[in-house]
Amino acid sequence: MTIWVGTSWKMNKTLDEARDYARGLVAALSGQELGDVQPFVIPPATAIAAVAGILADDSRVLLGAQNAHWEDAGAWTGELSVPQLADAGARLVEIGHSERREHFGETDRTVRLKVAATLRHGLTPLLCVGEPGDVKDRGGSTPYILEQASRALEGLDDDQRARVLIAYEPIWAIGEHGRPATVAELAEPFAALGQEYGGGVAGLLYGGSVSLDNATDLLGIDHVDGLFVGRTAWELDGYLQLLRRATGS
């Protein structure tokens, strides 16, 4: 089983900072045995090509983009297409993050279109699903995230679904003010995701206030195939420590 450990830098890092991180990552992983662990990093769009040029010598690290448009080209001011991102070096595309849904009008329809576009061009979609706190409080977490995933993957055949990563990121647990989820709170959602998609997608990841203190416990939850990490991995040392926990070294 592949264990995915990745980070999105969100709207952080200059080109120099991104290059320094990438160079440090390549150096740290040189000659290291990763076993079943698959690292990935998702810089801001401005840094994708620069990071790609450095990671080229270590293809074990997948490079991603934080967003993509569903059309291949056209009059979409400020947007980037999947072919453009692939040309810059991206091999994975993050889709449907709650911040995109809340602040930029992302809908189930646009998420579905972006997943299909990413697959059409041979890249890996990283589909984000997650419920707000009020839904959790009503006991509706599991049906909410299953419905999100179902709508995003609608129309895909089995081979296409097998290329999709799903990251469960409960909105109440992410960000600077998020509350870390307990293992008990995550057991039911991952049991449901595992029943519906386990073995049928590339992996089921967890993201939400992941830290060095809870990473090992999170990886031990049934059906969790990896971690999608924010600020804990924004500094290289934190990310390397997470990789070491995943490899058991």
C-alpha atoms as a PDB file:
ATOM      1  CA  MET A   1       0.000   0.000   0.000  1.00  0.00           C
ATOM      2  CA  THR A   2       1.254   3.460  -0.899  1.00  0.00           C
ATOM      3  CA  ILE A   3       1.459   5.930   1.982  1.00  0.00           C
ATOM      4  CA  TRP A   4       1.006   9.464   0.674  1.00  0.00           C
ATOM      5  CA  VAL A   5       2.579  12.330   2.610  1.00  0.00           C
ATOM      6  CA  GLY A   6       2.233  15.763   1.067  1.00  0.00           C
ATOM      7  CA  THR A   7       1.889  19.436   1.754  1.00  0.00           C
ATOM      8  CA  SER A   8       0.307  22.457   0.118  1.00  0.00           C
ATOM      9  CA  TRP A   9       2.161  25.698   0.726  1.00  0.00           C
ATOM     10  CA  LYS A  10      -0.998  27.709  -0.022  1.00  0.00           C
ATOM     11  CA  MET A  11      -0.194  31.425  -0.611  1.00  0.00           C
ATOM     12  CA  ASN A  12       3.279  31.200   0.924  1.00  0.00           C
ATOM     13  CA  LYS A  13       6.919  31.276  -0.215  1.00  0.00           C
ATOM     14  CA  THR A  14       8.780  33.463  -2.671  1.00  0.00           C
ATOM     15  CA  LEU A  15      10.691  31.881  -5.524  1.00  0.00           C
ATOM     16  CA  ASP A  16      13.897  31.890  -3.498  1.00  0.00           C
ATOM     17  CA  GLU A  17      12.148  30.270  -0.538  1.00  0.00           C
ATOM     18  CA  ALA A  18      10.550  27.646  -2.766  1.00  0.00           C
ATOM     19  CA  ARG A  19      13.878  26.826  -4.402  1.00  0.00           C
ATOM     20  CA  ASP A  20      15.616  26.530  -1.033  1.00  0.00           C
ATOM     21  CA  TYR A  21      12.941  24.130   0.232  1.00  0.00           C
ATOM     22  CA  ALA A  22      13.119  22.009  -2.935  1.00  0.00           C
ATOM     23  CA  ARG A  23      16.919  21.853  -2.889  1.00  0.00           C
ATOM     24  CA  GLY A  24      16.878  20.884   0.778  1.00  0.00           C
ATOM     25  CA  LEU A  25      14.288  18.192   0.124  1.00  0.00           C
ATOM     26  CA  VAL A  26      16.268  16.646  -2.713  1.00  0.00           C
ATOM     27  CA  ALA A  27      19.439  16.691  -0.615  1.00  0.00           C
ATOM     28  CA  ALA A  28      17.720  15.160   2.410  1.00  0.00           C
ATOM     29  CA  LEU A  29      16.133  12.351   0.385  1.00  0.00           C
ATOM     30  CA  SER A  30      19.260  11.523  -1.580  1.00  0.00           C
ATOM     31  CA  GLY A  31      20.059   7.902  -0.901  1.00  0.00           C
ATOM     32  CA  GLN A  32      17.193   7.567   1.578  1.00  0.00           C
ATOM     33  CA  GLU A  33      14.899   4.556   1.449  1.00  0.00           C
ATOM     34  CA  LEU A  34      11.291   5.708   1.326  1.00  0.00           C
ATOM     35  CA  GLY A  35       9.697   2.281   1.158  1.00  0.00           C
ATOM     36  CA  ASP A  36       6.011   2.661   0.333  1.00  0.00           C
ATOM     37  CA  VAL A  37       5.920   6.388   1.115  1.00  0.00           C
ATOM     38  CA  GLN A  38       5.089   8.749  -1.750  1.00  0.00           C
ATOM     39  CA  PRO A  39       6.017  12.387  -0.986  1.00  0.00           C
ATOM     40  CA  PHE A  40       4.347  15.290  -2.780  1.00  0.00           C
ATOM     41  CA  VAL A  41       4.572  19.072  -2.534  1.00  0.00           C
ATOM     42  CA  ILE A  42       2.154  21.671  -3.883  1.00  0.00           C
ATOM     43  CA  PRO A  43       3.705  25.140  -4.237  1.00  0.00           C
ATOM     44  CA  PRO A  44       1.928  28.311  -5.349  1.00  0.00           C
ATOM     45  CA  ALA A  45       1.600  28.509  -9.131  1.00  0.00           C
ATOM     46  CA  THR A  46       4.412  31.058  -9.408  1.00  0.00           C
ATOM     47  CA  ALA A  47       6.893  28.481  -8.122  1.00  0.00           C
ATOM     48  CA  ILE A  48       5.815  25.300  -9.900  1.00  0.00           C
ATOM     49  CA  ALA A  49       8.282  25.535 -12.783  1.00  0.00           C
ATOM     50  CA  ALA A  50      11.162  26.541 -10.504  1.00  0.00           C
ATOM     51  CA  VAL A  51      10.512  23.667  -8.113  1.00  0.00           C
ATOM     52  CA  ALA A  52      10.053  21.254 -11.016  1.00  0.00           C
ATOM     53  CA  GLY A  53      13.503  22.113 -12.300  1.00  0.00           C
ATOM     54  CA  ILE A  54      15.000  21.133  -8.947  1.00  0.00           C
ATOM     55  CA  LEU A  55      12.902  18.052  -8.249  1.00  0.00           C
ATOM     56  CA  ALA A  56      13.665  16.693 -11.713  1.00  0.00           C
ATOM     57  CA  ASP A  57      16.635  14.892 -10.195  1.00  0.00           C
ATOM     58  CA  ASP A  58      14.385  13.177  -7.635  1.00  0.00           C
ATOM     59  CA  SER A  59      11.293  11.949  -9.417  1.00  0.00           C
ATOM     60  CA  ARG A  60      10.151  10.221  -6.234  1.00  0.00           C
ATOM     61  CA  VAL A  61       8.622  13.548  -5.145  1.00  0.00           C
ATOM     62  CA  LEU A  62       5.400  14.390  -6.960  1.00  0.00           C
ATOM     63  CA  LEU A  63       4.820  18.052  -7.751  1.00  0.00           C
ATOM     64  CA  GLY A  64       1.328  19.481  -7.622  1.00  0.00           C
ATOM     65  CA  ALA A  65      -0.742  22.577  -8.335  1.00  0.00           C
ATOM     66  CA  GLN A  66      -3.301  24.101  -5.985  1.00  0.00           C
ATOM     67  CA  ASN A  67      -6.004  24.645  -8.585  1.00  0.00           C
ATOM     68  CA  ALA A  68      -6.763  24.351 -12.297  1.00  0.00           C
ATOM     69  CA  HIS A  69      -9.464  25.395 -14.726  1.00  0.00           C
ATOM     70  CA  TRP A  70     -11.567  22.762 -16.471  1.00  0.00           C
ATOM     71  CA  GLU A  71     -11.103  24.206 -19.979  1.00  0.00           C
ATOM     72  CA  ASP A  72      -7.909  23.548 -21.917  1.00  0.00           C
ATOM     73  CA  ALA A  73      -7.586  27.154 -23.126  1.00  0.00           C
ATOM     74  CA  GLY A  74      -9.635  30.279 -23.672  1.00  0.00           C
ATOM     75  CA  ALA A  75     -10.717  33.659 -22.339  1.00  0.00           C
ATOM     76  CA  TRP A  76     -10.480  32.840 -18.636  1.00  0.00           C
ATOM     77  CA  THR A  77      -8.527  35.744 -17.191  1.00  0.00           C
ATOM     78  CA  GLY A  78      -6.333  34.799 -14.254  1.00  0.00           C
ATOM     79  CA  GLU A  79      -6.914  31.055 -14.598  1.00  0.00           C
ATOM     80  CA  LEU A  80      -4.491  28.254 -15.435  1.00  0.00           C
ATOM     81  CA  SER A  81      -5.390  25.161 -17.430  1.00  0.00           C
ATOM     82  CA  VAL A  82      -4.322  21.607 -16.704  1.00  0.00           C
ATOM     83  CA  PRO A  83      -2.124  21.521 -19.850  1.00  0.00           C
ATOM     84  CA  GLN A  84      -0.376  24.723 -18.713  1.00  0.00           C
ATOM     85  CA  LEU A  85       0.249  23.296 -15.256  1.00  0.00           C
ATOM     86  CA  ALA A  86       1.520  20.030 -16.722  1.00  0.00           C
ATOM     87  CA  ASP A  87       3.820  22.023 -18.977  1.00  0.00           C
ATOM     88  CA  ALA A  88       5.196  23.770 -15.876  1.00  0.00           C
ATOM     89  CA  GLY A  89       5.936  20.401 -14.278  1.00  0.00           C
ATOM     90  CA  ALA A  90       2.868  19.568 -12.179  1.00  0.00           C
ATOM     91  CA  ARG A  91       1.769  15.941 -12.006  1.00  0.00           C
ATOM     92  CA  LEU A  92      -0.996  16.322  -9.432  1.00  0.00           C
ATOM     93  CA  VAL A  93      -3.802  18.890  -9.017  1.00  0.00           C
ATOM     94  CA  GLU A  94      -5.514  19.779  -5.742  1.00  0.00           C
ATOM     95  CA  ILE A  95      -9.238  20.252  -6.349  1.00  0.00           C
ATOM     96  CA  GLY A  96     -12.153  21.431  -4.237  1.00  0.00           C
ATOM     97  CA  HIS A  97     -10.385  22.628  -1.101  1.00  0.00           C
ATOM     98  CA  SER A  98     -12.842  24.211   1.329  1.00  0.00           C
ATOM     99  CA  GLU A  99     -11.107  27.587   0.979  1.00  0.00           C
ATOM    100  CA  ARG A 100     -11.778  27.465  -2.757  1.00  0.00           C
ATOM    101  CA  ARG A 101     -15.400  26.568  -2.130  1.00  0.00           C
ATOM    102  CA  GLU A 102     -15.928  29.255   0.519  1.00  0.00           C
ATOM    103  CA  HIS A 103     -14.034  32.200  -0.943  1.00  0.00           C
ATOM    104  CA  PHE A 104     -14.030  31.597  -4.702  1.00  0.00           C
ATOM    105  CA  GLY A 105     -17.400  30.052  -5.445  1.00  0.00           C
ATOM    106  CA  GLU A 106     -16.202  26.517  -6.138  1.00  0.00           C
ATOM    107  CA  THR A 107     -19.221  24.222  -6.535  1.00  0.00           C
ATOM    108  CA  ASP A 108     -19.781  20.493  -6.860  1.00  0.00           C
ATOM    109  CA  ARG A 109     -20.202  21.069 -10.608  1.00  0.00           C
ATOM    110  CA  THR A 110     -16.907  22.915 -11.085  1.00  0.00           C
ATOM    111  CA  VAL A 111     -15.121  20.397  -8.879  1.00  0.00           C
ATOM    112  CA  ARG A 112     -16.447  17.574 -11.072  1.00  0.00           C
ATOM    113  CA  LEU A 113     -15.332  19.373 -14.234  1.00  0.00           C
ATOM    114  CA  LYS A 114     -11.851  19.945 -12.798  1.00  0.00           C
ATOM    115  CA  VAL A 115     -11.465  16.312 -11.755  1.00  0.00           C
ATOM    116  CA  ALA A 116     -12.411  15.196 -15.270  1.00  0.00           C
ATOM    117  CA  ALA A 117     -10.036  17.701 -16.897  1.00  0.00           C
ATOM    118  CA  THR A 118      -7.163  16.605 -14.689  1.00  0.00           C
ATOM    119  CA  LEU A 119      -7.728  12.960 -15.565  1.00  0.00           C
ATOM    120  CA  ARG A 120      -8.128  13.770 -19.253  1.00  0.00           C
ATOM    121  CA  HIS A 121      -4.579  15.119 -19.330  1.00  0.00           C
ATOM    122  CA  GLY A 122      -3.025  12.281 -17.367  1.00  0.00           C
ATOM    123  CA  LEU A 123      -2.501  14.074 -14.048  1.00  0.00           C
ATOM    124  CA  THR A 124      -3.626  12.913 -10.608  1.00  0.00           C
ATOM    125  CA  PRO A 125      -6.604  14.724  -9.042  1.00  0.00           C
ATOM    126  CA  LEU A 126      -6.390  15.287  -5.291  1.00  0.00           C
ATOM    127  CA  LEU A 127     -10.049  15.736  -4.408  1.00  0.00           C
ATOM    128  CA  CYS A 128     -10.714  17.503  -1.101  1.00  0.00           C
ATOM    129  CA  VAL A 129     -13.910  16.834   0.843  1.00  0.00           C
ATOM    130  CA  GLY A 130     -14.914  17.984   4.297  1.00  0.00           C
ATOM    131  CA  GLU A 131     -17.846  19.182   6.383  1.00  0.00           C
ATOM    132  CA  PRO A 132     -18.303  22.407   8.393  1.00  0.00           C
ATOM    133  CA  GLY A 133     -18.638  22.326  12.156  1.00  0.00           C
ATOM    134  CA  ASP A 134     -22.411  22.723  12.223  1.00  0.00           C
ATOM    135  CA  VAL A 135     -22.834  19.621  10.074  1.00  0.00           C
ATOM    136  CA  LYS A 136     -20.575  17.676  12.423  1.00  0.00           C
ATOM    137  CA  ASP A 137     -22.537  18.900  15.431  1.00  0.00           C
ATOM    138  CA  ARG A 138     -25.739  17.537  13.861  1.00  0.00           C
ATOM    139  CA  GLY A 139     -24.105  14.154  13.303  1.00  0.00           C
ATOM    140  CA  GLY A 140     -24.109  14.531   9.540  1.00  0.00           C
ATOM    141  CA  SER A 141     -20.398  14.270   8.730  1.00  0.00           C
ATOM    142  CA  THR A 142     -20.446  10.934   6.944  1.00  0.00           C
ATOM    143  CA  PRO A 143     -23.357  11.506   4.531  1.00  0.00           C
ATOM    144  CA  TYR A 144     -22.049  15.009   3.791  1.00  0.00           C
ATOM    145  CA  ILE A 145     -18.592  13.904   2.677  1.00  0.00           C
ATOM    146  CA  LEU A 146     -19.877  10.857   0.820  1.00  0.00           C
ATOM    147  CA  GLU A 147     -22.230  13.119  -1.146  1.00  0.00           C
ATOM    148  CA  GLN A 148     -19.387  15.537  -1.939  1.00  0.00           C
ATOM    149  CA  ALA A 149     -17.203  12.711  -3.206  1.00  0.00           C
ATOM    150  CA  SER A 150     -20.013  11.120  -5.183  1.00  0.00           C
ATOM    151  CA  ARG A 151     -20.841  14.354  -6.993  1.00  0.00           C
ATOM    152  CA  ALA A 152     -17.179  15.032  -7.788  1.00  0.00           C
ATOM    153  CA  LEU A 153     -16.613  11.559  -9.226  1.00  0.00           C
ATOM    154  CA  GLU A 154     -19.890  11.312 -11.100  1.00  0.00           C
ATOM    155  CA  GLY A 155     -19.494   9.899 -14.598  1.00  0.00           C
ATOM    156  CA  LEU A 156     -16.056   8.375 -14.064  1.00  0.00           C
ATOM    157  CA  ASP A 157     -15.408   4.732 -14.873  1.00  0.00           C
ATOM    158  CA  ASP A 158     -13.490   2.398 -12.574  1.00  0.00           C
ATOM    159  CA  ASP A 159     -10.144   3.020 -14.264  1.00  0.00           C
ATOM    160  CA  GLN A 160     -10.546   6.771 -13.905  1.00  0.00           C
ATOM    161  CA  ARG A 161     -11.566   6.532 -10.242  1.00  0.00           C
ATOM    162  CA  ALA A 162      -8.506   4.405  -9.568  1.00  0.00           C
ATOM    163  CA  ARG A 163      -6.332   7.418 -10.427  1.00  0.00           C
ATOM    164  CA  VAL A 164      -8.031   9.796  -7.951  1.00  0.00           C
ATOM    165  CA  LEU A 165      -6.791  10.668  -4.472  1.00  0.00           C
ATOM    166  CA  ILE A 166      -9.401  11.731  -1.903  1.00  0.00           C
ATOM    167  CA  ALA A 167      -8.362  13.922   1.028  1.00  0.00           C
ATOM    168  CA  TYR A 168     -10.819  14.183   3.904  1.00  0.00           C
ATOM    169  CA  GLU A 169     -10.274  17.591   5.493  1.00  0.00           C
ATOM    170  CA  PRO A 170     -13.020  18.509   7.972  1.00  0.00           C
ATOM    171  CA  ILE A 171     -13.423  22.276   7.869  1.00  0.00           C
ATOM    172  CA  TRP A 172     -13.597  22.504  11.657  1.00  0.00           C
ATOM    173  CA  ALA A 173     -10.161  20.905  11.930  1.00  0.00           C
ATOM    174  CA  ILE A 174      -8.166  22.843   9.343  1.00  0.00           C
ATOM    175  CA  GLY A 175      -6.350  26.151   9.409  1.00  0.00           C
ATOM    176  CA  GLU A 176      -4.717  28.211  12.096  1.00  0.00           C
ATOM    177  CA  HIS A 177      -7.783  28.069  14.323  1.00  0.00           C
ATOM    178  CA  GLY A 178      -8.798  24.497  13.575  1.00  0.00           C
ATOM    179  CA  ARG A 179      -9.297  21.976  16.346  1.00  0.00           C
ATOM    180  CA  PRO A 180      -7.287  18.768  15.874  1.00  0.00           C
ATOM    181  CA  ALA A 181      -9.585  15.821  15.284  1.00  0.00           C
ATOM    182  CA  THR A 182      -9.325  12.823  17.557  1.00  0.00           C
ATOM    183  CA  VAL A 183      -8.832   9.300  16.289  1.00  0.00           C
ATOM    184  CA  ALA A 184     -12.327   8.446  17.540  1.00  0.00           C
ATOM    185  CA  GLU A 185     -13.866  11.305  15.546  1.00  0.00           C
ATOM    186  CA  LEU A 186     -12.204  10.132  12.342  1.00  0.00           C
ATOM    187  CA  ALA A 187     -12.984   6.436  12.641  1.00  0.00           C
ATOM    188  CA  GLU A 188     -16.540   6.626  11.282  1.00  0.00           C
ATOM    189  CA  PRO A 189     -15.871   8.931   8.302  1.00  0.00           C
ATOM    190  CA  PHE A 190     -12.912   6.826   7.191  1.00  0.00           C
ATOM    191  CA  ALA A 191     -14.833   3.595   7.690  1.00  0.00           C
ATOM    192  CA  ALA A 192     -17.485   4.988   5.327  1.00  0.00           C
ATOM    193  CA  LEU A 193     -14.945   6.270   2.824  1.00  0.00           C
ATOM    194  CA  GLY A 194     -13.140   2.955   2.980  1.00  0.00           C
ATOM    195  CA  GLN A 195     -16.315   0.996   2.377  1.00  0.00           C
ATOM    196  CA  GLU A 196     -17.254   3.179  -0.589  1.00  0.00           C
ATOM    197  CA  TYR A 197     -13.849   3.855  -2.157  1.00  0.00           C
ATOM    198  CA  GLY A 198     -11.210   1.690  -0.456  1.00  0.00           C
ATOM    199  CA  GLY A 199      -9.213  -0.098  -3.142  1.00  0.00           C
ATOM    200  CA  GLY A 200     -11.123   1.775  -5.832  1.00  0.00           C
ATOM    201  CA  VAL A 201      -9.173   5.042  -5.657  1.00  0.00           C
ATOM    202  CA  ALA A 202      -5.470   5.773  -5.505  1.00  0.00           C
ATOM    203  CA  GLY A 203      -5.650   6.586  -1.808  1.00  0.00           C
ATOM    204  CA  LEU A 204      -7.628   8.086   1.068  1.00  0.00           C
ATOM    205  CA  LEU A 205      -5.754  10.856   2.870  1.00  0.00           C
ATOM    206  CA  TYR A 206      -6.424  12.845   6.005  1.00  0.00           C
ATOM    207  CA  GLY A 207      -5.735  16.548   6.397  1.00  0.00           C
ATOM    208  CA  GLY A 208      -6.585  18.866   9.265  1.00  0.00           C
ATOM    209  CA  SER A 209      -4.275  20.150  12.007  1.00  0.00           C
ATOM    210  CA  VAL A 210      -1.787  17.352  11.319  1.00  0.00           C
ATOM    211  CA  SER A 211       1.213  17.745  13.600  1.00  0.00           C
ATOM    212  CA  LEU A 212       4.334  15.867  14.596  1.00  0.00           C
ATOM    213  CA  ASP A 213       2.498  14.838  17.749  1.00  0.00           C
ATOM    214  CA  ASN A 214      -0.516  13.212  16.076  1.00  0.00           C
ATOM    215  CA  ALA A 215       0.823  12.053  12.689  1.00  0.00           C
ATOM    216  CA  THR A 216       1.610   8.500  13.760  1.00  0.00           C
ATOM    217  CA  ASP A 217      -1.798   8.032  15.379  1.00  0.00           C
ATOM    218  CA  LEU A 218      -3.546   9.426  12.296  1.00  0.00           C
ATOM    219  CA  LEU A 219      -1.672   7.045  10.013  1.00  0.00           C
ATOM    220  CA  GLY A 220      -2.839   4.187  12.208  1.00  0.00           C
ATOM    221  CA  ILE A 221      -6.546   4.805  11.532  1.00  0.00           C
ATOM    222  CA  ASP A 222      -8.174   2.151   9.370  1.00  0.00           C
ATOM    223  CA  HIS A 223      -8.407   3.198   5.703  1.00  0.00           C
ATOM    224  CA  VAL A 224      -6.075   6.200   6.106  1.00  0.00           C
ATOM    225  CA  ASP A 225      -3.519   5.906   3.296  1.00  0.00           C
ATOM    226  CA  GLY A 226      -1.617   9.096   4.039  1.00  0.00           C
ATOM    227  CA  LEU A 227      -1.565  12.682   5.230  1.00  0.00           C
ATOM    228  CA  PHE A 228      -2.148  16.012   3.510  1.00  0.00           C
ATOM    229  CA  VAL A 229      -0.409  18.572   5.701  1.00  0.00           C
ATOM    230  CA  GLY A 230      -0.437  22.349   6.035  1.00  0.00           C
ATOM    231  CA  ARG A 231       1.666  24.532   8.280  1.00  0.00           C
ATOM    232  CA  THR A 232       3.512  21.698  10.041  1.00  0.00           C
ATOM    233  CA  ALA A 233       5.217  20.954   6.717  1.00  0.00           C
ATOM    234  CA  TRP A 234       5.778  24.506   5.515  1.00  0.00           C
ATOM    235  CA  GLU A 235       9.266  24.361   6.997  1.00  0.00           C
ATOM    236  CA  LEU A 236      11.427  21.642   5.497  1.00  0.00           C
ATOM    237  CA  ASP A 237      12.437  20.127   8.821  1.00  0.00           C
ATOM    238  CA  GLY A 238       8.809  19.593   9.771  1.00  0.00           C
ATOM    239  CA  TYR A 239       8.069  17.871   6.477  1.00  0.00           C
ATOM    240  CA  LEU A 240      11.122  15.639   6.759  1.00  0.00           C
ATOM    241  CA  GLN A 241      10.092  14.624  10.268  1.00  0.00           C
ATOM    242  CA  LEU A 242       6.643  13.692   8.968  1.00  0.00           C
ATOM    243  CA  LEU A 243       8.225  11.565   6.252  1.00  0.00           C
ATOM    244  CA  ARG A 244      10.337   9.829   8.880  1.00  0.00           C
ATOM    245  CA  ARG A 245       7.228   9.027  10.910  1.00  0.00           C
ATOM    246  CA  ALA A 246       5.544   7.607   7.822  1.00  0.00           C
ATOM    247  CA  THR A 247       8.532   5.418   6.981  1.00  0.00           C
ATOM    248  CA  GLY A 248       8.942   4.356  10.598  1.00  0.00           C
ATOM    249  CA  SER A 249      12.533   5.577  10.681  1.00  0.00           C
END
